[in-house]
C-alpha cells in the first residue's frame, strides 16, 4: 500500500518533467477562413544545427506525415497538381544544448527553541546540468505574397536514452498535434 502511495507522486513528477512548452504567433490582419489549400515550401523541413545525427529521411517523413494529418483535420487540403496553394508550409527541427545550475544545501541549522546553532557544518553544492531541448516549429506562409502568417512551436526536453522508432513517431505526432492545435487562431 505504501509503495502505491509513493508511486503516484513520482509518476506525476515524471509527467511534469516531460511537459511540452507550446507557443504561437500570427498576423491578426489575415482572414484565416480564406485559406483552404496548402503545399510544402521546399525545403519542407530544415534542421538546426545541420547535424547528420539529427538529420534523417525517416524523421523528415514522420514530421511531414504528422503536419499533413493535422492540417487535414483543420480543413486544409493539399493543393492539387498545378494549382497554387493558399498556404506554403515549412517545418523546423531545432535541437539546443542548454545548462542549468542546481544548488543543494546540506547540514546546519540555526535557531530552535533555545536559540543558538544546532547541527553539523552547513555547506552548499552547486552542479551544472547539461541537457538537450528539441523544438518543432511549423511556419505557414501566404501563398500569394510569401509572408509569414502563422507560426507555432513546441519544445520538449529530450531523454538521455534514444527512443525506439515507434516512440519517436508517437512523440513527433504528439508534438505536431499540440503545435497545430492552435491553428486557426481565435
Protein backbone atom coordinates (compact mmCIF):
# COMPACT_ATOMS: atom_id res chain seq x y z
CA UNK A 1 0.00 0.00 0.00
CA UNK A 2 2.78 2.41 0.94
CA UNK A 3 4.55 1.75 -2.36
CA UNK A 4 1.41 2.72 -4.29
CA UNK A 5 1.10 5.94 -2.31
CA UNK A 6 4.73 6.81 -3.09
CA UNK A 7 4.41 5.79 -6.74
CA UNK A 8 1.62 8.29 -7.59
CA UNK A 9 3.62 11.47 -6.79
CA UNK A 10 6.65 10.03 -8.60
CA UNK A 11 4.59 9.42 -11.76
CA UNK A 12 3.13 12.93 -11.55
CA UNK A 13 6.63 14.38 -11.18
CA UNK A 14 7.88 12.43 -14.20
CA UNK A 15 4.89 13.55 -16.26
CA UNK A 16 5.58 17.19 -15.33
CA UNK A 17 9.20 16.83 -16.44
CA UNK A 18 8.10 15.72 -19.90
CA UNK A 19 5.73 18.62 -20.48
CA UNK A 20 5.73 20.36 -23.83
CA UNK A 21 6.01 24.15 -23.96
CA UNK A 22 3.91 25.49 -26.87
CA UNK A 23 3.98 28.98 -28.40
CA UNK A 24 2.34 30.63 -31.39
CA UNK A 25 2.29 33.89 -33.28
CA UNK A 26 0.19 35.07 -36.19
CA UNK A 27 -0.75 38.02 -38.37
CA UNK A 28 -4.04 39.26 -36.90
CA UNK A 29 -4.91 41.13 -40.11
CA UNK A 30 -5.23 37.91 -42.14
CA UNK A 31 -8.51 36.12 -42.84
CA UNK A 32 -7.60 32.55 -41.93
CA UNK A 33 -11.02 31.26 -43.10
CA UNK A 34 -9.95 32.10 -46.68
CA UNK A 35 -7.10 29.59 -46.57
CA UNK A 36 -8.27 26.25 -47.97
CA UNK A 37 -5.22 24.54 -49.52
CA UNK A 38 -1.56 24.09 -48.71
CA UNK A 39 1.68 22.80 -50.17
CA UNK A 40 5.24 22.38 -48.91
CA UNK A 41 7.71 25.20 -49.29
CA UNK A 42 10.93 23.42 -50.11
CA UNK A 43 12.99 22.55 -48.24
CA UNK A 44 9.97 21.30 -46.33
CA UNK A 45 11.99 20.53 -43.20
CA UNK A 46 15.06 22.39 -42.05
CA UNK A 47 17.40 21.34 -39.27
CA UNK A 48 19.32 23.41 -36.80
CA UNK A 49 22.10 22.53 -36.26
CA UNK A 50 22.71 20.85 -39.60
CA UNK A 51 23.97 17.70 -37.89
CA UNK A 52 23.80 14.27 -39.56
CA UNK A 53 22.91 12.68 -36.21
CA UNK A 54 19.69 14.72 -36.21
CA UNK A 55 19.01 14.99 -39.93
CA UNK A 56 17.28 11.90 -41.27
CA UNK A 57 14.88 10.99 -44.07
CA UNK A 58 12.88 8.99 -41.53
CA UNK A 59 12.47 12.00 -39.23
CA UNK A 60 11.53 14.20 -42.17
CA UNK A 61 8.87 11.75 -43.33
CA UNK A 62 7.44 11.46 -39.81
CA UNK A 63 7.18 15.24 -39.46
CA UNK A 64 5.71 15.64 -42.97
CA UNK A 65 3.07 12.98 -42.27
CA UNK A 66 2.17 14.47 -38.88
CA UNK A 67 1.84 18.01 -40.27
CA UNK A 68 -0.25 16.80 -43.24
CA UNK A 69 -2.58 14.87 -40.92
CA UNK A 70 -3.07 17.83 -38.57
CA UNK A 71 -3.68 20.33 -41.39
CA UNK A 72 -6.21 17.92 -42.91
CA UNK A 73 -8.06 17.75 -39.57
CA UNK A 74 -8.35 21.54 -39.69
CA UNK A 75 -9.94 21.56 -43.13
CA UNK A 76 -6.82 22.42 -45.13
CA UNK A 77 -6.32 20.16 -48.15
CA UNK A 78 -3.15 19.59 -50.17
CA UNK A 79 -3.15 21.71 -53.35
CA UNK A 80 -3.94 19.57 -56.38
CA UNK A 81 -1.27 19.25 -59.08
CA UNK A 82 -0.50 22.54 -60.79
CA UNK A 83 -2.83 24.62 -58.60
CA UNK A 84 -1.36 27.40 -56.47
CA UNK A 85 -1.74 26.72 -52.75
CA UNK A 86 -3.26 29.25 -50.37
CA UNK A 87 -0.59 28.41 -47.78
CA UNK A 88 3.01 27.27 -48.04
CA UNK A 89 4.20 25.13 -45.14
CA UNK A 90 7.71 24.78 -43.76
CA UNK A 91 8.84 22.97 -40.61
CA UNK A 92 11.98 23.19 -38.49
CA UNK A 93 13.58 20.71 -36.13
CA UNK A 94 15.86 22.60 -33.76
CA UNK A 95 18.00 20.93 -31.09
CA UNK A 96 19.61 23.18 -28.48
CA UNK A 97 22.13 22.30 -25.79
CA UNK A 98 21.19 24.01 -22.52
CA UNK A 99 22.56 24.19 -19.00
CA UNK A 100 21.03 24.68 -15.58
CA UNK A 101 22.74 25.28 -12.27
CA UNK A 102 21.34 23.26 -9.38
CA UNK A 103 22.27 24.19 -5.81
CA UNK A 104 21.71 21.90 -2.84
CA UNK A 105 22.15 22.95 0.80
CA UNK A 106 23.35 20.37 3.33
CA UNK A 107 23.63 20.32 7.10
CA UNK A 108 23.47 23.04 9.66
CA UNK A 109 20.54 24.58 11.47
CA UNK A 110 20.26 27.92 13.20
CA UNK A 111 17.71 28.81 15.80
CA UNK A 112 15.39 26.48 17.63
CA UNK A 113 13.60 26.65 20.92
CA UNK A 114 16.66 27.61 22.94
CA UNK A 115 18.29 29.69 20.20
CA UNK A 116 21.85 29.25 19.06
CA UNK A 117 23.32 26.94 16.47
CA UNK A 118 22.31 23.29 16.15
CA UNK A 119 23.51 20.66 13.71
CA UNK A 120 26.65 19.93 11.74
CA UNK A 121 28.54 22.23 9.42
CA UNK A 122 26.50 23.76 6.62
CA UNK A 123 27.67 23.67 3.03
CA UNK A 124 26.27 24.20 -0.45
CA UNK A 125 26.88 22.13 -3.54
CA UNK A 126 26.29 23.65 -6.98
CA UNK A 127 26.22 21.43 -10.07
CA UNK A 128 25.83 22.22 -13.73
CA UNK A 129 23.34 20.00 -15.53
CA UNK A 130 23.51 19.82 -19.32
CA UNK A 131 20.56 18.68 -21.39
CA UNK A 132 19.11 18.92 -24.90
CA UNK A 133 15.86 20.58 -25.90
CA UNK A 134 14.13 19.68 -29.16
CA UNK A 135 11.84 22.22 -30.84
CA UNK A 136 9.47 21.55 -33.69
CA UNK A 137 8.37 24.75 -35.41
CA UNK A 138 5.73 24.97 -38.14
CA UNK A 139 5.57 28.10 -40.32
CA UNK A 140 2.65 28.92 -42.61
CA UNK A 141 3.29 31.45 -45.39
CA UNK A 142 0.69 33.16 -47.56
CA UNK A 143 0.73 31.53 -51.00
CA UNK A 144 0.28 34.84 -52.81
CA UNK A 145 2.68 37.25 -51.10
CA UNK A 146 5.00 34.73 -49.38
CA UNK A 147 4.77 36.44 -45.97
CA UNK A 148 4.65 34.53 -42.72
CA UNK A 149 1.04 34.45 -41.46
CA UNK A 150 1.23 31.87 -38.64
CA UNK A 151 3.96 30.21 -36.60
CA UNK A 152 3.63 27.57 -33.94
CA UNK A 153 6.36 25.83 -32.00
CA UNK A 154 6.74 23.34 -29.20
CA UNK A 155 9.83 22.49 -27.22
CA UNK A 156 10.49 19.49 -25.05
CA UNK A 157 13.46 18.21 -23.07
CA UNK A 158 14.97 15.19 -24.80
CA UNK A 159 15.60 11.95 -22.95
CA UNK A 160 19.16 10.76 -22.48
CA UNK A 161 18.49 7.33 -23.96
CA UNK A 162 17.45 7.29 -27.62
CA UNK A 163 13.81 6.33 -28.13
CA UNK A 164 12.67 3.47 -30.32
CA UNK A 165 11.31 4.27 -33.80
CA UNK A 166 7.71 3.85 -32.60
CA UNK A 167 8.37 6.15 -29.62
CA UNK A 168 9.94 8.74 -31.97
CA UNK A 169 6.92 8.65 -34.26
CA UNK A 170 4.49 8.97 -31.34
CA UNK A 171 6.46 11.88 -29.85
CA UNK A 172 6.57 13.70 -33.21
CA UNK A 173 2.83 13.18 -33.79
CA UNK A 174 2.01 14.37 -30.27
CA UNK A 175 4.22 17.45 -30.54
CA UNK A 176 2.97 18.45 -34.01
CA UNK A 177 -0.64 17.94 -32.84
CA UNK A 178 -0.06 20.33 -29.93
CA UNK A 179 1.55 22.90 -32.22
CA UNK A 180 -1.14 22.87 -34.89
CA UNK A 181 -3.97 22.60 -32.32
CA UNK A 182 -3.60 26.38 -32.07
CA UNK A 183 -4.49 26.87 -35.75
CA UNK A 184 -6.56 28.69 -36.88
CA UNK A 185 -6.11 31.48 -34.36
CA UNK A 186 -9.23 32.52 -32.46
